[in-house]
Full PDB file with SEQRES, HELIX, SHEET, SSBOND, CRYST1, ORIGX, SCALE, CONECT and MASTER records, all heavy atoms in Angstrom:
SEQRES   1 A   33  THR LEU THR GLY LYS SER VAL LEU PRO GLN ILE GLN LYS          
SEQRES   2 A   33  LEU VAL PRO SER ASP LEU SER ARG LEU GLN PRO GLY GLN          
SEQRES   3 A   33  ALA GLN TYR THR VAL LEU LEU                                  
HELIX    1 AA1 VAL A    7  ILE A   11  1                                   5    
HELIX    2 AA2 LEU A   19  ARG A   21  5                                   3    
CRYST1    1.000    1.000    1.000  90.00  90.00  90.00 P 1           1          
ORIGX1      1.000000  0.000000  0.000000        0.00000                         
ORIGX2      0.000000  1.000000  0.000000        0.00000                         
ORIGX3      0.000000  0.000000  1.000000        0.00000                         
SCALE1      1.000000  0.000000  0.000000        0.00000                         
SCALE2      0.000000  1.000000  0.000000        0.00000                         
SCALE3      0.000000  0.000000  1.000000        0.00000                         
ATOM      1  N   THR A   1     -28.043 -16.125  25.040  1.00  0.00           N  
ATOM      2  CA  THR A   1     -27.813 -17.459  25.582  1.00  0.00           C  
ATOM      3  C   THR A   1     -28.906 -17.757  26.594  1.00  0.00           C  
ATOM      4  O   THR A   1     -29.357 -16.860  27.322  1.00  0.00           O  
ATOM      5  CB  THR A   1     -26.428 -17.606  26.259  1.00  0.00           C  
ATOM      6  OG1 THR A   1     -26.346 -16.698  27.364  1.00  0.00           O  
ATOM      7  CG2 THR A   1     -25.307 -17.316  25.272  1.00  0.00           C  
ATOM      8  N   LEU A   2     -29.356 -19.009  26.602  1.00  0.00           N  
ATOM      9  CA  LEU A   2     -30.364 -19.476  27.550  1.00  0.00           C  
ATOM     10  C   LEU A   2     -29.770 -20.653  28.306  1.00  0.00           C  
ATOM     11  O   LEU A   2     -29.228 -21.578  27.685  1.00  0.00           O  
ATOM     12  CB  LEU A   2     -31.638 -19.925  26.822  1.00  0.00           C  
ATOM     13  CG  LEU A   2     -32.283 -18.945  25.835  1.00  0.00           C  
ATOM     14  CD1 LEU A   2     -33.465 -19.599  25.135  1.00  0.00           C  
ATOM     15  CD2 LEU A   2     -32.731 -17.682  26.551  1.00  0.00           C  
ATOM     16  N   THR A   3     -29.880 -20.631  29.613  1.00  0.00           N  
ATOM     17  CA  THR A   3     -29.312 -21.704  30.427  1.00  0.00           C  
ATOM     18  C   THR A   3     -30.307 -22.116  31.512  1.00  0.00           C  
ATOM     19  O   THR A   3     -30.944 -21.261  32.136  1.00  0.00           O  
ATOM     20  CB  THR A   3     -27.997 -21.256  31.102  1.00  0.00           C  
ATOM     21  OG1 THR A   3     -27.125 -20.700  30.116  1.00  0.00           O  
ATOM     22  CG2 THR A   3     -27.297 -22.436  31.764  1.00  0.00           C  
ATOM     23  N   GLY A   4     -30.431 -23.415  31.716  1.00  0.00           N  
ATOM     24  CA  GLY A   4     -31.310 -23.916  32.771  1.00  0.00           C  
ATOM     25  C   GLY A   4     -32.019 -25.193  32.358  1.00  0.00           C  
ATOM     26  O   GLY A   4     -32.246 -25.438  31.177  1.00  0.00           O  
ATOM     27  N   LYS A   5     -32.375 -26.010  33.337  1.00  0.00           N  
ATOM     28  CA  LYS A   5     -33.021 -27.296  33.058  1.00  0.00           C  
ATOM     29  C   LYS A   5     -34.402 -27.134  32.432  1.00  0.00           C  
ATOM     30  O   LYS A   5     -34.902 -28.040  31.766  1.00  0.00           O  
ATOM     31  CB  LYS A   5     -33.115 -28.121  34.344  1.00  0.00           C  
ATOM     32  CG  LYS A   5     -31.756 -28.557  34.901  1.00  0.00           C  
ATOM     33  CD  LYS A   5     -31.910 -29.525  36.044  1.00  0.00           C  
ATOM     34  CE  LYS A   5     -30.543 -29.953  36.595  1.00  0.00           C  
ATOM     35  NZ  LYS A   5     -29.702 -30.574  35.557  1.00  0.00           N  
ATOM     36  N   SER A   6     -35.026 -25.975  32.654  1.00  0.00           N  
ATOM     37  CA  SER A   6     -36.384 -25.789  32.133  1.00  0.00           C  
ATOM     38  C   SER A   6     -36.409 -25.113  30.768  1.00  0.00           C  
ATOM     39  O   SER A   6     -37.485 -24.812  30.250  1.00  0.00           O  
ATOM     40  CB  SER A   6     -37.214 -24.973  33.124  1.00  0.00           C  
ATOM     41  OG  SER A   6     -36.686 -23.657  33.261  1.00  0.00           O  
ATOM     42  N   VAL A   7     -35.239 -24.861  30.183  1.00  0.00           N  
ATOM     43  CA  VAL A   7     -35.203 -24.153  28.894  1.00  0.00           C  
ATOM     44  C   VAL A   7     -35.936 -24.941  27.813  1.00  0.00           C  
ATOM     45  O   VAL A   7     -36.831 -24.411  27.139  1.00  0.00           O  
ATOM     46  CB  VAL A   7     -33.760 -23.865  28.449  1.00  0.00           C  
ATOM     47  CG1 VAL A   7     -33.750 -23.324  27.016  1.00  0.00           C  
ATOM     48  CG2 VAL A   7     -33.087 -22.874  29.376  1.00  0.00           C  
ATOM     49  N   LEU A   8     -35.577 -26.209  27.621  1.00  0.00           N  
ATOM     50  CA  LEU A   8     -36.143 -26.986  26.522  1.00  0.00           C  
ATOM     51  C   LEU A   8     -37.661 -27.074  26.557  1.00  0.00           C  
ATOM     52  O   LEU A   8     -38.315 -26.740  25.557  1.00  0.00           O  
ATOM     53  CB  LEU A   8     -35.524 -28.386  26.468  1.00  0.00           C  
ATOM     54  CG  LEU A   8     -36.069 -29.295  25.358  1.00  0.00           C  
ATOM     55  CD1 LEU A   8     -35.856 -28.664  23.989  1.00  0.00           C  
ATOM     56  CD2 LEU A   8     -35.423 -30.676  25.426  1.00  0.00           C  
ATOM     57  N   PRO A   9     -38.277 -27.510  27.664  1.00  0.00           N  
ATOM     58  CA  PRO A   9     -39.749 -27.602  27.650  1.00  0.00           C  
ATOM     59  C   PRO A   9     -40.428 -26.262  27.403  1.00  0.00           C  
ATOM     60  O   PRO A   9     -41.525 -26.211  26.828  1.00  0.00           O  
ATOM     61  CB  PRO A   9     -40.094 -28.165  29.033  1.00  0.00           C  
ATOM     62  CG  PRO A   9     -38.891 -27.933  29.876  1.00  0.00           C  
ATOM     63  CD  PRO A   9     -37.731 -27.998  28.947  1.00  0.00           C  
ATOM     64  N   GLN A  10     -39.794 -25.167  27.794  1.00  0.00           N  
ATOM     65  CA  GLN A  10     -40.412 -23.858  27.599  1.00  0.00           C  
ATOM     66  C   GLN A  10     -40.275 -23.351  26.164  1.00  0.00           C  
ATOM     67  O   GLN A  10     -41.226 -22.832  25.587  1.00  0.00           O  
ATOM     68  CB  GLN A  10     -39.819 -22.848  28.579  1.00  0.00           C  
ATOM     69  CG  GLN A  10     -40.204 -23.135  30.028  1.00  0.00           C  
ATOM     70  CD  GLN A  10     -39.777 -22.016  30.961  1.00  0.00           C  
ATOM     71  OE1 GLN A  10     -40.377 -20.958  31.000  1.00  0.00           O  
ATOM     72  NE2 GLN A  10     -38.717 -22.250  31.725  1.00  0.00           N  
ATOM     73  N   ILE A  11     -39.089 -23.508  25.564  1.00  0.00           N  
ATOM     74  CA  ILE A  11     -38.930 -23.032  24.179  1.00  0.00           C  
ATOM     75  C   ILE A  11     -39.670 -23.946  23.201  1.00  0.00           C  
ATOM     76  O   ILE A  11     -40.033 -23.515  22.103  1.00  0.00           O  
ATOM     77  CB  ILE A  11     -37.447 -22.870  23.778  1.00  0.00           C  
ATOM     78  CG1 ILE A  11     -36.664 -24.179  23.935  1.00  0.00           C  
ATOM     79  CG2 ILE A  11     -36.799 -21.749  24.581  1.00  0.00           C  
ATOM     80  CD1 ILE A  11     -35.211 -24.077  23.493  1.00  0.00           C  
ATOM     81  N   GLN A  12     -39.909 -25.199  23.600  1.00  0.00           N  
ATOM     82  CA  GLN A  12     -40.702 -26.095  22.759  1.00  0.00           C  
ATOM     83  C   GLN A  12     -42.098 -25.525  22.507  1.00  0.00           C  
ATOM     84  O   GLN A  12     -42.696 -25.772  21.457  1.00  0.00           O  
ATOM     85  CB  GLN A  12     -40.849 -27.469  23.437  1.00  0.00           C  
ATOM     86  CG  GLN A  12     -39.642 -28.376  23.288  1.00  0.00           C  
ATOM     87  CD  GLN A  12     -39.606 -29.076  21.943  1.00  0.00           C  
ATOM     88  OE1 GLN A  12     -39.330 -28.453  20.908  1.00  0.00           O  
ATOM     89  NE2 GLN A  12     -39.851 -30.371  21.938  1.00  0.00           N  
ATOM     90  N   LYS A  13     -42.619 -24.754  23.450  1.00  0.00           N  
ATOM     91  CA  LYS A  13     -43.964 -24.194  23.310  1.00  0.00           C  
ATOM     92  C   LYS A  13     -43.997 -22.939  22.445  1.00  0.00           C  
ATOM     93  O   LYS A  13     -45.061 -22.458  22.074  1.00  0.00           O  
ATOM     94  CB  LYS A  13     -44.539 -23.883  24.695  1.00  0.00           C  
ATOM     95  CG  LYS A  13     -44.732 -25.130  25.554  1.00  0.00           C  
ATOM     96  CD  LYS A  13     -45.243 -24.777  26.935  1.00  0.00           C  
ATOM     97  CE  LYS A  13     -45.418 -26.028  27.791  1.00  0.00           C  
ATOM     98  NZ  LYS A  13     -45.892 -25.714  29.171  1.00  0.00           N  
ATOM     99  N   LEU A  14     -42.809 -22.408  22.127  1.00  0.00           N  
ATOM    100  CA  LEU A  14     -42.730 -21.157  21.384  1.00  0.00           C  
ATOM    101  C   LEU A  14     -42.494 -21.351  19.891  1.00  0.00           C  
ATOM    102  O   LEU A  14     -42.661 -20.414  19.112  1.00  0.00           O  
ATOM    103  CB  LEU A  14     -41.606 -20.278  21.954  1.00  0.00           C  
ATOM    104  CG  LEU A  14     -41.663 -19.969  23.459  1.00  0.00           C  
ATOM    105  CD1 LEU A  14     -40.517 -19.044  23.842  1.00  0.00           C  
ATOM    106  CD2 LEU A  14     -43.001 -19.366  23.840  1.00  0.00           C  
ATOM    107  N   VAL A  15     -42.080 -22.558  19.500  1.00  0.00           N  
ATOM    108  CA  VAL A  15     -41.739 -22.823  18.095  1.00  0.00           C  
ATOM    109  C   VAL A  15     -42.456 -24.086  17.615  1.00  0.00           C  
ATOM    110  O   VAL A  15     -42.790 -24.961  18.411  1.00  0.00           O  
ATOM    111  CB  VAL A  15     -40.217 -22.991  17.911  1.00  0.00           C  
ATOM    112  CG1 VAL A  15     -39.479 -21.735  18.357  1.00  0.00           C  
ATOM    113  CG2 VAL A  15     -39.694 -24.217  18.651  1.00  0.00           C  
ATOM    114  N   PRO A  16     -42.686 -24.218  16.296  1.00  0.00           N  
ATOM    115  CA  PRO A  16     -43.360 -25.407  15.763  1.00  0.00           C  
ATOM    116  C   PRO A  16     -42.418 -26.578  15.524  1.00  0.00           C  
ATOM    117  O   PRO A  16     -42.871 -27.674  15.207  1.00  0.00           O  
ATOM    118  CB  PRO A  16     -43.939 -24.904  14.446  1.00  0.00           C  
ATOM    119  CG  PRO A  16     -42.957 -23.867  13.997  1.00  0.00           C  
ATOM    120  CD  PRO A  16     -42.473 -23.196  15.253  1.00  0.00           C  
ATOM    121  N   SER A  17     -41.112 -26.358  15.668  1.00  0.00           N  
ATOM    122  CA  SER A  17     -40.124 -27.407  15.419  1.00  0.00           C  
ATOM    123  C   SER A  17     -39.813 -28.166  16.703  1.00  0.00           C  
ATOM    124  O   SER A  17     -39.848 -27.601  17.799  1.00  0.00           O  
ATOM    125  CB  SER A  17     -38.835 -26.792  14.856  1.00  0.00           C  
ATOM    126  OG  SER A  17     -39.111 -25.957  13.748  1.00  0.00           O  
ATOM    127  N   ASP A  18     -39.480 -29.446  16.560  1.00  0.00           N  
ATOM    128  CA  ASP A  18     -39.184 -30.280  17.720  1.00  0.00           C  
ATOM    129  C   ASP A  18     -37.709 -30.150  18.095  1.00  0.00           C  
ATOM    130  O   ASP A  18     -36.846 -30.810  17.526  1.00  0.00           O  
ATOM    131  CB  ASP A  18     -39.529 -31.741  17.414  1.00  0.00           C  
ATOM    132  CG  ASP A  18     -39.396 -32.635  18.631  1.00  0.00           C  
ATOM    133  OD1 ASP A  18     -39.062 -32.109  19.720  1.00  0.00           O  
ATOM    134  OD2 ASP A  18     -39.614 -33.855  18.497  1.00  0.00           O  
ATOM    135  N   LEU A  19     -37.422 -29.285  19.051  1.00  0.00           N  
ATOM    136  CA  LEU A  19     -36.043 -29.038  19.471  1.00  0.00           C  
ATOM    137  C   LEU A  19     -35.492 -30.155  20.344  1.00  0.00           C  
ATOM    138  O   LEU A  19     -34.278 -30.216  20.575  1.00  0.00           O  
ATOM    139  CB  LEU A  19     -35.953 -27.702  20.215  1.00  0.00           C  
ATOM    140  CG  LEU A  19     -36.429 -26.461  19.443  1.00  0.00           C  
ATOM    141  CD1 LEU A  19     -36.284 -25.215  20.304  1.00  0.00           C  
ATOM    142  CD2 LEU A  19     -35.654 -26.296  18.139  1.00  0.00           C  
ATOM    143  N   SER A  20     -36.362 -31.055  20.816  1.00  0.00           N  
ATOM    144  CA  SER A  20     -35.883 -32.145  21.670  1.00  0.00           C  
ATOM    145  C   SER A  20     -35.047 -33.144  20.882  1.00  0.00           C  
ATOM    146  O   SER A  20     -34.324 -33.957  21.465  1.00  0.00           O  
ATOM    147  CB  SER A  20     -37.069 -32.868  22.321  1.00  0.00           C  
ATOM    148  OG  SER A  20     -37.810 -33.613  21.363  1.00  0.00           O  
ATOM    149  N   ARG A  21     -35.108 -33.082  19.557  1.00  0.00           N  
ATOM    150  CA  ARG A  21     -34.334 -34.002  18.719  1.00  0.00           C  
ATOM    151  C   ARG A  21     -32.858 -33.627  18.654  1.00  0.00           C  
ATOM    152  O   ARG A  21     -32.025 -34.428  18.226  1.00  0.00           O  
ATOM    153  CB  ARG A  21     -34.901 -34.024  17.289  1.00  0.00           C  
ATOM    154  CG  ARG A  21     -36.390 -34.310  17.214  1.00  0.00           C  
ATOM    155  CD  ARG A  21     -36.868 -34.371  15.786  1.00  0.00           C  
ATOM    156  NE  ARG A  21     -36.480 -33.190  15.013  1.00  0.00           N  
ATOM    157  CZ  ARG A  21     -36.651 -33.060  13.709  1.00  0.00           C  
ATOM    158  NH1 ARG A  21     -37.215 -34.044  13.013  1.00  0.00           N  
ATOM    159  NH2 ARG A  21     -36.291 -31.965  13.078  1.00  0.00           N  
ATOM    160  N   LEU A  22     -32.548 -32.401  19.051  1.00  0.00           N  
ATOM    161  CA  LEU A  22     -31.175 -31.920  18.897  1.00  0.00           C  
ATOM    162  C   LEU A  22     -30.233 -32.574  19.899  1.00  0.00           C  
ATOM    163  O   LEU A  22     -30.527 -32.679  21.085  1.00  0.00           O  
ATOM    164  CB  LEU A  22     -31.117 -30.397  19.077  1.00  0.00           C  
ATOM    165  CG  LEU A  22     -31.893 -29.550  18.059  1.00  0.00           C  
ATOM    166  CD1 LEU A  22     -31.739 -28.074  18.400  1.00  0.00           C  
ATOM    167  CD2 LEU A  22     -31.410 -29.827  16.645  1.00  0.00           C  
ATOM    168  N   GLN A  23     -29.085 -32.984  19.395  1.00  0.00           N  
ATOM    169  CA  GLN A  23     -27.987 -33.461  20.228  1.00  0.00           C  
ATOM    170  C   GLN A  23     -27.022 -32.301  20.450  1.00  0.00           C  
ATOM    171  O   GLN A  23     -27.012 -31.341  19.677  1.00  0.00           O  
ATOM    172  CB  GLN A  23     -27.267 -34.625  19.540  1.00  0.00           C  
ATOM    173  CG  GLN A  23     -28.153 -35.841  19.301  1.00  0.00           C  
ATOM    174  CD  GLN A  23     -28.662 -36.435  20.595  1.00  0.00           C  
ATOM    175  OE1 GLN A  23     -27.906 -36.654  21.535  1.00  0.00           O  
ATOM    176  NE2 GLN A  23     -29.969 -36.686  20.657  1.00  0.00           N  
ATOM    177  N   PRO A  24     -26.194 -32.356  21.510  1.00  0.00           N  
ATOM    178  CA  PRO A  24     -25.208 -31.287  21.707  1.00  0.00           C  
ATOM    179  C   PRO A  24     -24.379 -31.082  20.440  1.00  0.00           C  
ATOM    180  O   PRO A  24     -23.938 -32.051  19.803  1.00  0.00           O  
ATOM    181  CB  PRO A  24     -24.354 -31.819  22.858  1.00  0.00           C  
ATOM    182  CG  PRO A  24     -25.290 -32.688  23.634  1.00  0.00           C  
ATOM    183  CD  PRO A  24     -26.138 -33.356  22.598  1.00  0.00           C  
ATOM    184  N   GLY A  25     -24.219 -29.824  20.039  1.00  0.00           N  
ATOM    185  CA  GLY A  25     -23.476 -29.526  18.821  1.00  0.00           C  
ATOM    186  C   GLY A  25     -24.345 -29.472  17.582  1.00  0.00           C  
ATOM    187  O   GLY A  25     -23.836 -29.312  16.471  1.00  0.00           O  
ATOM    188  N   GLN A  26     -25.673 -29.558  17.762  1.00  0.00           N  
ATOM    189  CA  GLN A  26     -26.600 -29.454  16.638  1.00  0.00           C  
ATOM    190  C   GLN A  26     -27.467 -28.210  16.786  1.00  0.00           C  
ATOM    191  O   GLN A  26     -27.608 -27.669  17.888  1.00  0.00           O  
ATOM    192  CB  GLN A  26     -27.491 -30.695  16.540  1.00  0.00           C  
ATOM    193  CG  GLN A  26     -26.741 -31.970  16.223  1.00  0.00           C  
ATOM    194  CD  GLN A  26     -27.664 -33.174  16.112  1.00  0.00           C  
ATOM    195  OE1 GLN A  26     -28.774 -33.183  16.634  1.00  0.00           O  
ATOM    196  NE2 GLN A  26     -27.191 -34.206  15.434  1.00  0.00           N  
ATOM    197  N   ALA A  27     -28.053 -27.759  15.672  1.00  0.00           N  
ATOM    198  CA  ALA A  27     -28.865 -26.546  15.679  1.00  0.00           C  
ATOM    199  C   ALA A  27     -30.112 -26.739  14.834  1.00  0.00           C  
ATOM    200  O   ALA A  27     -30.187 -27.653  13.996  1.00  0.00           O  
ATOM    201  CB  ALA A  27     -28.055 -25.363  15.146  1.00  0.00           C  
ATOM    202  N   GLN A  28     -31.092 -25.871  15.041  1.00  0.00           N  
ATOM    203  CA  GLN A  28     -32.348 -25.916  14.292  1.00  0.00           C  
ATOM    204  C   GLN A  28     -32.755 -24.512  13.875  1.00  0.00           C  
ATOM    205  O   GLN A  28     -32.903 -23.615  14.704  1.00  0.00           O  
ATOM    206  CB  GLN A  28     -33.459 -26.521  15.155  1.00  0.00           C  
ATOM    207  CG  GLN A  28     -34.856 -26.450  14.554  1.00  0.00           C  
ATOM    208  CD  GLN A  28     -35.094 -27.425  13.411  1.00  0.00           C  
ATOM    209  OE1 GLN A  28     -34.852 -28.622  13.559  1.00  0.00           O  
ATOM    210  NE2 GLN A  28     -35.536 -26.925  12.264  1.00  0.00           N  
ATOM    211  N   TYR A  29     -32.924 -24.328  12.581  1.00  0.00           N  
ATOM    212  CA  TYR A  29     -33.547 -23.111  12.077  1.00  0.00           C  
ATOM    213  C   TYR A  29     -35.046 -23.248  12.287  1.00  0.00           C  
ATOM    214  O   TYR A  29     -35.644 -24.288  11.975  1.00  0.00           O  
ATOM    215  CB  TYR A  29     -33.241 -22.937  10.588  1.00  0.00           C  
ATOM    216  CG  TYR A  29     -34.067 -21.860   9.900  1.00  0.00           C  
ATOM    217  CD1 TYR A  29     -33.793 -20.513  10.104  1.00  0.00           C  
ATOM    218  CD2 TYR A  29     -35.118 -22.197   9.050  1.00  0.00           C  
ATOM    219  CE1 TYR A  29     -34.546 -19.524   9.469  1.00  0.00           C  
ATOM    220  CE2 TYR A  29     -35.880 -21.223   8.416  1.00  0.00           C  
ATOM    221  CZ  TYR A  29     -35.579 -19.885   8.629  1.00  0.00           C  
ATOM    222  OH  TYR A  29     -36.335 -18.912   8.009  1.00  0.00           O  
ATOM    223  N   THR A  30     -35.697 -22.229  12.829  1.00  0.00           N  
ATOM    224  CA  THR A  30     -37.120 -22.315  13.095  1.00  0.00           C  
ATOM    225  C   THR A  30     -37.721 -20.914  13.180  1.00  0.00           C  
ATOM    226  O   THR A  30     -37.064 -19.934  12.817  1.00  0.00           O  
ATOM    227  CB  THR A  30     -37.398 -23.140  14.378  1.00  0.00           C  
ATOM    228  OG1 THR A  30     -38.805 -23.354  14.507  1.00  0.00           O  
ATOM    229  CG2 THR A  30     -36.858 -22.447  15.616  1.00  0.00           C  
ATOM    230  N   VAL A  31     -38.956 -20.833  13.661  1.00  0.00           N  
ATOM    231  CA  VAL A  31     -39.646 -19.545  13.769  1.00  0.00           C  
ATOM    232  C   VAL A  31     -40.344 -19.443  15.122  1.00  0.00           C  
ATOM    233  O   VAL A  31     -40.844 -20.435  15.650  1.00  0.00           O  
ATOM    234  CB  VAL A  31     -40.691 -19.364  12.639  1.00  0.00           C  
ATOM    235  CG1 VAL A  31     -40.014 -19.119  11.307  1.00  0.00           C  
ATOM    236  CG2 VAL A  31     -41.636 -20.566  12.547  1.00  0.00           C  
ATOM    237  N   LEU A  32     -40.354 -18.240  15.679  1.00  0.00           N  
ATOM    238  CA  LEU A  32     -41.189 -17.944  16.841  1.00  0.00           C  
ATOM    239  C   LEU A  32     -42.576 -17.597  16.323  1.00  0.00           C  
ATOM    240  O   LEU A  32     -42.704 -16.821  15.367  1.00  0.00           O  
ATOM    241  CB  LEU A  32     -40.636 -16.751  17.627  1.00  0.00           C  
ATOM    242  CG  LEU A  32     -39.321 -16.922  18.381  1.00  0.00           C  
ATOM    243  CD1 LEU A  32     -38.904 -15.576  18.988  1.00  0.00           C  
ATOM    244  CD2 LEU A  32     -39.424 -17.980  19.462  1.00  0.00           C  
ATOM    245  N   LEU A  33     -43.610 -18.170  16.940  1.00  0.00           N  
ATOM    246  CA  LEU A  33     -44.974 -17.947  16.464  1.00  0.00           C  
ATOM    247  C   LEU A  33     -45.804 -17.168  17.471  1.00  0.00           C  
ATOM    248  O   LEU A  33     -45.637 -17.316  18.678  1.00  0.00           O  
ATOM    249  CB  LEU A  33     -45.666 -19.283  16.195  1.00  0.00           C  
ATOM    250  CG  LEU A  33     -45.095 -20.154  15.071  1.00  0.00           C  
ATOM    251  CD1 LEU A  33     -45.902 -21.435  14.935  1.00  0.00           C  
ATOM    252  CD2 LEU A  33     -45.074 -19.392  13.748  1.00  0.00           C  
TER     253      LEU A  33                                                      
MASTER        0    0    0    2    0    0    0    6  252    1    0    3          
END                                                                             
């Protein structure tokens, strides 16, 4: 589990998928690069 206001901008840099599109209760299959 990851918690914190800075989680999204940081994980956005680790994957090629746009996680900012997710609404609460949604998920994204992706890859760490």
